[in-house]
Amino acid sequence: MMVFQGKGRKTAVPFGPFLSLGAVVSLAWGAPILYWYLALGGLS
């Protein structure tokens, strides 16, 4: 937003699109991402 629309650092960024994108990603690829993340710490 700062580059394309000339907004500053104090401009509010909508949180809803990020929440919906995270929900879609977790529904589609939640288990593989979780197993990958746990493998990073040696927990699986």
PDB file of N, CA and C in Angstrom:
ATOM      1  N   MET A   1       0.820  -1.185   0.000  1.00  0.00           N
ATOM      2  CA  MET A   1       0.000   0.000   0.000  1.00  0.00           C
ATOM      3  C   MET A   1       0.863   1.247   0.000  1.00  0.00           C
ATOM      4  N   MET A   2       1.956   1.163   0.694  1.00  0.00           N
ATOM      5  CA  MET A   2       2.803   2.347   0.794  1.00  0.00           C
ATOM      6  C   MET A   2       3.396   2.711  -0.559  1.00  0.00           C
ATOM      7  N   VAL A   3       3.758   1.709  -1.337  1.00  0.00           N
ATOM      8  CA  VAL A   3       4.393   1.972  -2.623  1.00  0.00           C
ATOM      9  C   VAL A   3       3.363   2.347  -3.686  1.00  0.00           C
ATOM     10  N   PHE A   4       2.294   1.571  -3.778  1.00  0.00           N
ATOM     11  CA  PHE A   4       1.358   1.733  -4.876  1.00  0.00           C
ATOM     12  C   PHE A   4       0.335   2.845  -4.662  1.00  0.00           C
ATOM     13  N   GLN A   5      -0.041   3.118  -3.426  1.00  0.00           N
ATOM     14  CA  GLN A   5      -1.074   4.103  -3.165  1.00  0.00           C
ATOM     15  C   GLN A   5      -0.560   5.323  -2.412  1.00  0.00           C
ATOM     16  N   GLY A   6       0.697   5.354  -2.095  1.00  0.00           N
ATOM     17  CA  GLY A   6       1.273   6.499  -1.416  1.00  0.00           C
ATOM     18  C   GLY A   6       0.825   6.641   0.030  1.00  0.00           C
ATOM     19  N   LYS A   7       0.481   5.549   0.682  1.00  0.00           N
ATOM     20  CA  LYS A   7       0.038   5.583   2.074  1.00  0.00           C
ATOM     21  C   LYS A   7       1.248   5.560   2.994  1.00  0.00           C
ATOM     22  N   GLY A   8       1.053   6.024   4.209  1.00  0.00           N
ATOM     23  CA  GLY A   8       2.137   6.058   5.190  1.00  0.00           C
ATOM     24  C   GLY A   8       2.093   4.864   6.115  1.00  0.00           C
ATOM     25  N   ARG A   9       3.023   4.835   7.071  1.00  0.00           N
ATOM     26  CA  ARG A   9       3.085   3.737   8.030  1.00  0.00           C
ATOM     27  C   ARG A   9       1.936   3.750   9.020  1.00  0.00           C
ATOM     28  N   LYS A  10       1.294   4.864   9.190  1.00  0.00           N
ATOM     29  CA  LYS A  10       0.200   4.979  10.154  1.00  0.00           C
ATOM     30  C   LYS A  10      -1.148   4.578   9.562  1.00  0.00           C
ATOM     31  N   THR A  11      -1.197   4.214   8.291  1.00  0.00           N
ATOM     32  CA  THR A  11      -2.441   3.822   7.639  1.00  0.00           C
ATOM     33  C   THR A  11      -2.872   2.441   8.141  1.00  0.00           C
ATOM     34  N   ALA A  12      -4.136   2.315   8.476  1.00  0.00           N
ATOM     35  CA  ALA A  12      -4.665   1.031   8.955  1.00  0.00           C
ATOM     36  C   ALA A  12      -4.772   0.040   7.795  1.00  0.00           C
ATOM     37  N   VAL A  13      -4.415  -1.195   8.062  1.00  0.00           N
ATOM     38  CA  VAL A  13      -4.510  -2.260   7.071  1.00  0.00           C
ATOM     39  C   VAL A  13      -5.667  -3.168   7.475  1.00  0.00           C
ATOM     40  N   PRO A  14      -6.592  -3.460   6.565  1.00  0.00           N
ATOM     41  CA  PRO A  14      -7.718  -4.336   6.913  1.00  0.00           C
ATOM     42  C   PRO A  14      -7.229  -5.730   7.307  1.00  0.00           C
ATOM     43  N   PHE A  15      -7.794  -6.275   8.376  1.00  0.00           N
ATOM     44  CA  PHE A  15      -7.360  -7.563   8.898  1.00  0.00           C
ATOM     45  C   PHE A  15      -8.196  -8.710   8.348  1.00  0.00           C
ATOM     46  N   GLY A  16      -9.405  -8.439   7.893  1.00  0.00           N
ATOM     47  CA  GLY A  16     -10.315  -9.466   7.405  1.00  0.00           C
ATOM     48  C   GLY A  16      -9.769 -10.290   6.255  1.00  0.00           C
ATOM     49  N   PRO A  17      -9.191  -9.674   5.219  1.00  0.00           N
ATOM     50  CA  PRO A  17      -8.647 -10.475   4.113  1.00  0.00           C
ATOM     51  C   PRO A  17      -7.548 -11.441   4.554  1.00  0.00           C
ATOM     52  N   PHE A  18      -6.733 -11.032   5.513  1.00  0.00           N
ATOM     53  CA  PHE A  18      -5.677 -11.920   6.002  1.00  0.00           C
ATOM     54  C   PHE A  18      -6.263 -13.094   6.778  1.00  0.00           C
ATOM     55  N   LEU A  19      -7.316 -12.840   7.545  1.00  0.00           N
ATOM     56  CA  LEU A  19      -7.980 -13.918   8.271  1.00  0.00           C
ATOM     57  C   LEU A  19      -8.616 -14.923   7.317  1.00  0.00           C
ATOM     58  N   SER A  20      -9.291 -14.421   6.287  1.00  0.00           N
ATOM     59  CA  SER A  20      -9.942 -15.340   5.346  1.00  0.00           C
ATOM     60  C   SER A  20      -8.914 -16.127   4.543  1.00  0.00           C
ATOM     61  N   LEU A  21      -7.823 -15.510   4.158  1.00  0.00           N
ATOM     62  CA  LEU A  21      -6.773 -16.232   3.441  1.00  0.00           C
ATOM     63  C   LEU A  21      -6.154 -17.309   4.327  1.00  0.00           C
ATOM     64  N   GLY A  22      -5.921 -16.998   5.584  1.00  0.00           N
ATOM     65  CA  GLY A  22      -5.383 -17.995   6.518  1.00  0.00           C
ATOM     66  C   GLY A  22      -6.338 -19.155   6.727  1.00  0.00           C
ATOM     67  N   ALA A  23      -7.640 -18.876   6.764  1.00  0.00           N
ATOM     68  CA  ALA A  23      -8.629 -19.950   6.913  1.00  0.00           C
ATOM     69  C   ALA A  23      -8.626 -20.868   5.711  1.00  0.00           C
ATOM     70  N   VAL A  24      -8.554 -20.307   4.517  1.00  0.00           N
ATOM     71  CA  VAL A  24      -8.545 -21.122   3.301  1.00  0.00           C
ATOM     72  C   VAL A  24      -7.280 -21.973   3.237  1.00  0.00           C
ATOM     73  N   VAL A  25      -6.150 -21.379   3.570  1.00  0.00           N
ATOM     74  CA  VAL A  25      -4.884 -22.128   3.546  1.00  0.00           C
ATOM     75  C   VAL A  25      -4.912 -23.255   4.571  1.00  0.00           C
ATOM     76  N   SER A  26      -5.442 -22.989   5.768  1.00  0.00           N
ATOM     77  CA  SER A  26      -5.470 -24.032   6.787  1.00  0.00           C
ATOM     78  C   SER A  26      -6.443 -25.147   6.436  1.00  0.00           C
ATOM     79  N   LEU A  27      -7.535 -24.822   5.770  1.00  0.00           N
ATOM     80  CA  LEU A  27      -8.466 -25.870   5.338  1.00  0.00           C
ATOM     81  C   LEU A  27      -7.862 -26.738   4.241  1.00  0.00           C
ATOM     82  N   ALA A  28      -7.125 -26.121   3.340  1.00  0.00           N
ATOM     83  CA  ALA A  28      -6.577 -26.862   2.204  1.00  0.00           C
ATOM     84  C   ALA A  28      -5.299 -27.618   2.562  1.00  0.00           C
ATOM     85  N   TRP A  29      -4.398 -26.979   3.306  1.00  0.00           N
ATOM     86  CA  TRP A  29      -3.076 -27.573   3.545  1.00  0.00           C
ATOM     87  C   TRP A  29      -2.694 -27.560   5.020  1.00  0.00           C
ATOM     88  N   GLY A  30      -3.653 -27.597   5.924  1.00  0.00           N
ATOM     89  CA  GLY A  30      -3.373 -27.476   7.350  1.00  0.00           C
ATOM     90  C   GLY A  30      -2.507 -28.578   7.917  1.00  0.00           C
ATOM     91  N   ALA A  31      -2.855 -29.824   7.651  1.00  0.00           N
ATOM     92  CA  ALA A  31      -2.100 -30.953   8.214  1.00  0.00           C
ATOM     93  C   ALA A  31      -0.658 -31.005   7.699  1.00  0.00           C
ATOM     94  N   PRO A  32      -0.417 -30.883   6.387  1.00  0.00           N
ATOM     95  CA  PRO A  32       0.990 -30.895   5.935  1.00  0.00           C
ATOM     96  C   PRO A  32       1.822 -29.750   6.503  1.00  0.00           C
ATOM     97  N   ILE A  33       1.217 -28.577   6.648  1.00  0.00           N
ATOM     98  CA  ILE A  33       1.954 -27.445   7.226  1.00  0.00           C
ATOM     99  C   ILE A  33       2.268 -27.723   8.689  1.00  0.00           C
ATOM    100  N   LEU A  34       1.323 -28.284   9.423  1.00  0.00           N
ATOM    101  CA  LEU A  34       1.548 -28.602  10.834  1.00  0.00           C
ATOM    102  C   LEU A  34       2.656 -29.638  10.993  1.00  0.00           C
ATOM    103  N   TYR A  35       2.631 -30.693  10.197  1.00  0.00           N
ATOM    104  CA  TYR A  35       3.675 -31.727  10.288  1.00  0.00           C
ATOM    105  C   TYR A  35       5.040 -31.166   9.912  1.00  0.00           C
ATOM    106  N   TRP A  36       5.083 -30.293   8.910  1.00  0.00           N
ATOM    107  CA  TRP A  36       6.344 -29.676   8.523  1.00  0.00           C
ATOM    108  C   TRP A  36       6.882 -28.806   9.662  1.00  0.00           C
ATOM    109  N   TYR A  37       5.992 -28.033  10.286  1.00  0.00           N
ATOM    110  CA  TYR A  37       6.396 -27.143  11.367  1.00  0.00           C
ATOM    111  C   TYR A  37       6.897 -27.941  12.573  1.00  0.00           C
ATOM    112  N   LEU A  38       6.208 -29.014  12.903  1.00  0.00           N
ATOM    113  CA  LEU A  38       6.659 -29.829  14.025  1.00  0.00           C
ATOM    114  C   LEU A  38       7.978 -30.526  13.724  1.00  0.00           C
ATOM    115  N   ALA A  39       8.207 -30.896  12.480  1.00  0.00           N
ATOM    116  CA  ALA A  39       9.461 -31.541  12.116  1.00  0.00           C
ATOM    117  C   ALA A  39      10.641 -30.570  12.240  1.00  0.00           C
ATOM    118  N   LEU A  40      10.386 -29.279  12.088  1.00  0.00           N
ATOM    119  CA  LEU A  40      11.463 -28.300  12.247  1.00  0.00           C
ATOM    120  C   LEU A  40      12.047 -28.332  13.657  1.00  0.00           C
ATOM    121  N   GLY A  41      11.189 -28.542  14.637  1.00  0.00           N
ATOM    122  CA  GLY A  41      11.638 -28.580  16.014  1.00  0.00           C
ATOM    123  C   GLY A  41      11.972 -29.977  16.501  1.00  0.00           C
ATOM    124  N   GLY A  42      11.856 -30.965  15.636  1.00  0.00           N
ATOM    125  CA  GLY A  42      12.153 -32.327  16.021  1.00  0.00           C
ATOM    126  C   GLY A  42      11.078 -32.955  16.892  1.00  0.00           C
ATOM    127  N   LEU A  43       9.852 -32.487  16.778  1.00  0.00           N
ATOM    128  CA  LEU A  43       8.778 -32.977  17.629  1.00  0.00           C
ATOM    129  C   LEU A  43       7.941 -34.080  16.990  1.00  0.00           C
ATOM    130  N   SER A  44       8.233 -34.408  15.751  1.00  0.00           N
ATOM    131  CA  SER A  44       7.425 -35.484  15.142  1.00  0.00           C
ATOM    132  C   SER A  44       8.277 -36.631  14.675  1.00  0.00           C
TER     133      SER A  44
END
